[in-house]
C-alpha atoms as a PDB file:
ATOM      1  CA  MET A   1       3.546   3.416  46.421  1.00  0.00           C
ATOM      2  CA  ASP A   2       0.651   2.835  48.021  1.00  0.00           C
ATOM      3  CA  ARG A   3      -2.097   2.276  45.059  1.00  0.00           C
ATOM      4  CA  LYS A   4      -4.952   1.830  47.146  1.00  0.00           C
ATOM      5  CA  ARG A   5      -5.417  -1.852  46.165  1.00  0.00           C
ATOM      6  CA  PRO A   6      -4.263  -4.962  48.323  1.00  0.00           C
ATOM      7  CA  ALA A   7      -2.074  -6.214  45.886  1.00  0.00           C
ATOM      8  CA  PRO A   8       0.728  -6.625  44.454  1.00  0.00           C
ATOM      9  CA  ASP A   9       2.172  -3.280  46.413  1.00  0.00           C
ATOM     10  CA  LEU A  10       2.409  -3.569  50.159  1.00  0.00           C
ATOM     11  CA  GLY A  11       1.951  -0.060  50.844  1.00  0.00           C
ATOM     12  CA  ILE A  12       5.528   0.007  52.774  1.00  0.00           C
ATOM     13  CA  TRP A  13       6.997   2.848  50.877  1.00  0.00           C
ATOM     14  CA  LYS A  14       5.129   5.985  51.940  1.00  0.00           C
ATOM     15  CA  PHE A  15       7.888   7.896  53.287  1.00  0.00           C
ATOM     16  CA  ILE A  16       8.916   8.163  49.051  1.00  0.00           C
ATOM     17  CA  ASN A  17       7.620  10.423  46.811  1.00  0.00           C
ATOM     18  CA  LYS A  18       5.987   8.036  43.993  1.00  0.00           C
ATOM     19  CA  ALA A  19       7.413  10.918  41.460  1.00  0.00           C
ATOM     20  CA  HIS A  20      11.118  10.737  42.300  1.00  0.00           C
ATOM     21  CA  LEU A  21      10.931   6.749  41.843  1.00  0.00           C
ATOM     22  CA  TYR A  22      13.025   4.678  39.030  1.00  0.00           C
ATOM     23  CA  PHE A  23      11.065   2.575  36.859  1.00  0.00           C
ATOM     24  CA  PRO A  24      12.397  -1.090  37.508  1.00  0.00           C
ATOM     25  CA  LEU A  25      14.579  -2.335  34.564  1.00  0.00           C
ATOM     26  CA  ASP A  26      15.350  -6.251  34.108  1.00  0.00           C
ATOM     27  CA  GLU A  27      15.599  -8.169  30.912  1.00  0.00           C
ATOM     28  CA  GLY A  28      11.708  -9.228  30.559  1.00  0.00           C
ATOM     29  CA  VAL A  29      10.516  -5.399  31.336  1.00  0.00           C
ATOM     30  CA  ALA A  30      13.169  -3.948  28.768  1.00  0.00           C
ATOM     31  CA  ARG A  31      11.840  -6.820  26.074  1.00  0.00           C
ATOM     32  CA  VAL A  32       7.950  -5.861  26.452  1.00  0.00           C
ATOM     33  CA  PHE A  33       8.917  -2.138  26.305  1.00  0.00           C
ATOM     34  CA  THR A  34      10.863  -2.512  22.734  1.00  0.00           C
ATOM     35  CA  ARG A  35       7.953  -4.717  21.653  1.00  0.00           C
ATOM     36  CA  LEU A  36       5.456  -2.204  22.582  1.00  0.00           C
ATOM     37  CA  THR A  37       7.225   1.004  21.724  1.00  0.00           C
ATOM     38  CA  GLY A  38       9.639  -0.119  19.154  1.00  0.00           C
ATOM     39  CA  THR A  39      12.254   2.040  21.076  1.00  0.00           C
ATOM     40  CA  LYS A  40      15.290  -0.214  22.067  1.00  0.00           C
ATOM     41  CA  ILE A  41      16.461   0.104  25.569  1.00  0.00           C
ATOM     42  CA  LYS A  42      19.231  -1.382  27.475  1.00  0.00           C
ATOM     43  CA  LYS A  43      19.415  -3.160  30.867  1.00  0.00           C
ATOM     44  CA  ASN A  44      21.984  -0.638  32.458  1.00  0.00           C
ATOM     45  CA  TRP A  45      21.238   2.305  34.385  1.00  0.00           C
ATOM     46  CA  ASN A  46      20.917   4.390  30.924  1.00  0.00           C
ATOM     47  CA  GLY A  47      18.154   2.261  30.058  1.00  0.00           C
ATOM     48  CA  VAL A  48      16.459   2.900  33.321  1.00  0.00           C
ATOM     49  CA  LEU A  49      16.862   6.645  32.654  1.00  0.00           C
ATOM     50  CA  GLN A  50      15.429   6.202  29.725  1.00  0.00           C
ATOM     51  CA  ILE A  51      12.071   4.006  30.609  1.00  0.00           C
ATOM     52  CA  THR A  52      11.857   6.023  33.698  1.00  0.00           C
ATOM     53  CA  LYS A  53      11.663   9.731  31.403  1.00  0.00           C
ATOM     54  CA  TYR A  54       9.138   7.907  29.028  1.00  0.00           C
ATOM     55  CA  PHE A  55       6.929   7.417  31.708  1.00  0.00           C
ATOM     56  CA  ARG A  56       7.133  10.204  33.634  1.00  0.00           C
ATOM     57  CA  LYS A  57       5.849  12.166  30.593  1.00  0.00           C
ATOM     58  CA  ILE A  58       2.863   9.995  31.079  1.00  0.00           C
ATOM     59  CA  ASN A  59       2.455  10.041  34.687  1.00  0.00           C
ATOM     60  CA  PRO A  60       5.029  12.622  36.099  1.00  0.00           C
ATOM     61  CA  LYS A  61       3.322  12.138  39.460  1.00  0.00           C
ATOM     62  CA  ASP A  62       3.882   7.867  39.367  1.00  0.00           C
ATOM     63  CA  PRO A  63       6.036   6.527  36.282  1.00  0.00           C
ATOM     64  CA  THR A  64       6.661   3.232  38.140  1.00  0.00           C
ATOM     65  CA  LYS A  65       2.800   3.050  38.049  1.00  0.00           C
ATOM     66  CA  TYR A  66       3.207   0.872  34.853  1.00  0.00           C
ATOM     67  CA  ASP A  67       6.164  -1.829  35.981  1.00  0.00           C
ATOM     68  CA  PHE A  68       3.669  -4.532  36.913  1.00  0.00           C
ATOM     69  CA  ILE A  69       1.952  -4.335  33.429  1.00  0.00           C
ATOM     70  CA  LEU A  70       4.995  -4.493  31.388  1.00  0.00           C
ATOM     71  CA  SER A  71       6.385  -7.478  33.576  1.00  0.00           C
ATOM     72  CA  ARG A  72       3.375  -9.738  33.727  1.00  0.00           C
ATOM     73  CA  PRO A  73       3.568 -10.867  29.924  1.00  0.00           C
ATOM     74  CA  THR A  74       7.279 -12.174  30.654  1.00  0.00           C
ATOM     75  CA  ILE A  75       6.329 -13.824  34.007  1.00  0.00           C
ATOM     76  CA  LEU A  76       3.875 -15.514  32.873  1.00  0.00           C
ATOM     77  CA  ASP A  77       6.114 -16.839  29.627  1.00  0.00           C
ATOM     78  CA  ILE A  78       3.859 -15.264  26.973  1.00  0.00           C
ATOM     79  CA  CYS A  79       6.678 -12.854  25.799  1.00  0.00           C
ATOM     80  CA  LYS A  80       9.672 -15.085  25.230  1.00  0.00           C
ATOM     81  CA  LYS A  81      13.000 -14.045  23.930  1.00  0.00           C
ATOM     82  CA  LYS A  82      12.469 -15.024  20.327  1.00  0.00           C
ATOM     83  CA  PRO A  83       9.412 -13.294  19.225  1.00  0.00           C
ATOM     84  CA  GLU A  84       8.097 -16.195  16.763  1.00  0.00           C
ATOM     85  CA  GLU A  85       8.210 -18.185  20.066  1.00  0.00           C
ATOM     86  CA  SER A  86       6.116 -15.645  22.079  1.00  0.00           C
ATOM     87  CA  ASP A  87       2.198 -16.445  22.748  1.00  0.00           C
ATOM     88  CA  CYS A  88       1.148 -13.056  21.210  1.00  0.00           C
ATOM     89  CA  ASP A  89      -2.478 -14.265  20.901  1.00  0.00           C
ATOM     90  CA  ALA A  90      -2.596 -14.910  24.720  1.00  0.00           C
ATOM     91  CA  CYS A  91      -1.269 -11.447  25.434  1.00  0.00           C
ATOM     92  CA  PHE A  92      -3.179  -8.815  26.432  1.00  0.00           C
ATOM     93  CA  LEU A  93      -0.783  -6.532  25.421  1.00  0.00           C
ATOM     94  CA  ASN A  94      -1.104  -7.473  21.797  1.00  0.00           C
ATOM     95  CA  LYS A  95      -3.169  -5.043  20.404  1.00  0.00           C
ATOM     96  CA  TYR A  96      -0.781  -2.473  21.471  1.00  0.00           C
ATOM     97  CA  CYS A  97       2.416  -4.108  20.656  1.00  0.00           C
ATOM     98  CA  LYS A  98       4.253  -3.501  17.524  1.00  0.00           C
ATOM     99  CA  THR A  99       5.731  -7.010  17.366  1.00  0.00           C
ATOM    100  CA  GLY A 100       2.661  -8.651  18.529  1.00  0.00           C
ATOM    101  CA  LYS A 101       0.699  -7.104  15.612  1.00  0.00           C
ATOM    102  CA  GLN A 102       3.274  -7.867  13.472  1.00  0.00           C
ATOM    103  CA  ILE A 103       2.856 -11.598  14.484  1.00  0.00           C
ATOM    104  CA  MET A 104      -0.897 -11.759  14.613  1.00  0.00           C
ATOM    105  CA  LYS A 105      -1.310 -11.573  11.152  1.00  0.00           C
ATOM    106  CA  TYR A 106       0.596 -14.287  10.600  1.00  0.00           C
ATOM    107  CA  LEU A 107      -1.072 -16.418  12.790  1.00  0.00           C
ATOM    108  CA  LYS A 108      -2.524 -19.041  11.025  1.00  0.00           C
ATOM    109  CA  THR A 109      -4.876 -20.427  14.150  1.00  0.00           C
ATOM    110  CA  PRO A 110      -6.050 -17.817  16.252  1.00  0.00           C
ATOM    111  CA  ILE A 111      -6.718 -18.858  20.447  1.00  0.00           C
ATOM    112  CA  VAL A 112     -10.263 -19.967  20.412  1.00  0.00           C
ATOM    113  CA  PRO A 113     -12.048 -17.598  22.416  1.00  0.00           C
ATOM    114  CA  GLU A 114     -13.037 -19.455  25.400  1.00  0.00           C
ATOM    115  CA  THR A 115      -9.329 -20.491  25.836  1.00  0.00           C
ATOM    116  CA  LYS A 116      -8.549 -16.200  25.669  1.00  0.00           C
ATOM    117  CA  VAL A 117     -11.444 -15.807  28.168  1.00  0.00           C
ATOM    118  CA  LEU A 118      -9.957 -18.476  30.634  1.00  0.00           C
ATOM    119  CA  LEU A 119      -6.174 -16.790  30.032  1.00  0.00           C
ATOM    120  CA  LEU A 120      -7.550 -13.659  30.969  1.00  0.00           C
ATOM    121  CA  CYS A 121      -9.341 -14.442  34.017  1.00  0.00           C
ATOM    122  CA  GLU A 122      -6.045 -16.370  34.839  1.00  0.00           C
ATOM    123  CA  LEU A 123      -3.961 -13.281  34.808  1.00  0.00           C
ATOM    124  CA  ALA A 124      -6.794 -10.965  36.723  1.00  0.00           C
ATOM    125  CA  CYS A 125      -6.713 -13.854  39.314  1.00  0.00           C
ATOM    126  CA  ALA A 126      -2.818 -13.655  39.665  1.00  0.00           C
ATOM    127  CA  CYS A 127      -3.140 -10.179  39.957  1.00  0.00           C
ATOM    128  CA  PHE A 128      -4.553  -9.861  43.001  1.00  0.00           C
END
């Protein structure tokens, strides 16, 4: 799983072929995946197989490459359990997220650009 970057991957799993890994699935990843794609996914082994199959179609050599990006919105408390309580305007995936796009249409007061830049900078720093 060495991605040629210092963080967050420690690169200690070099003996496993990345193509054989399964996508890590928890409540947050399932939530973000469902909202991004519109595909409901259960948090069980079938869900793991479903999300892994989805990302293997995109990247057969490394389907788990996208786990970090899908886990960040819930780790940063941006994508909350109730969509109406989520901070979609601050989410870096809102342009691609089906739920985020719907919520952004109804936002009366979008986040000010300076705050959005600050949030993106904080997110970038948190990635390394």
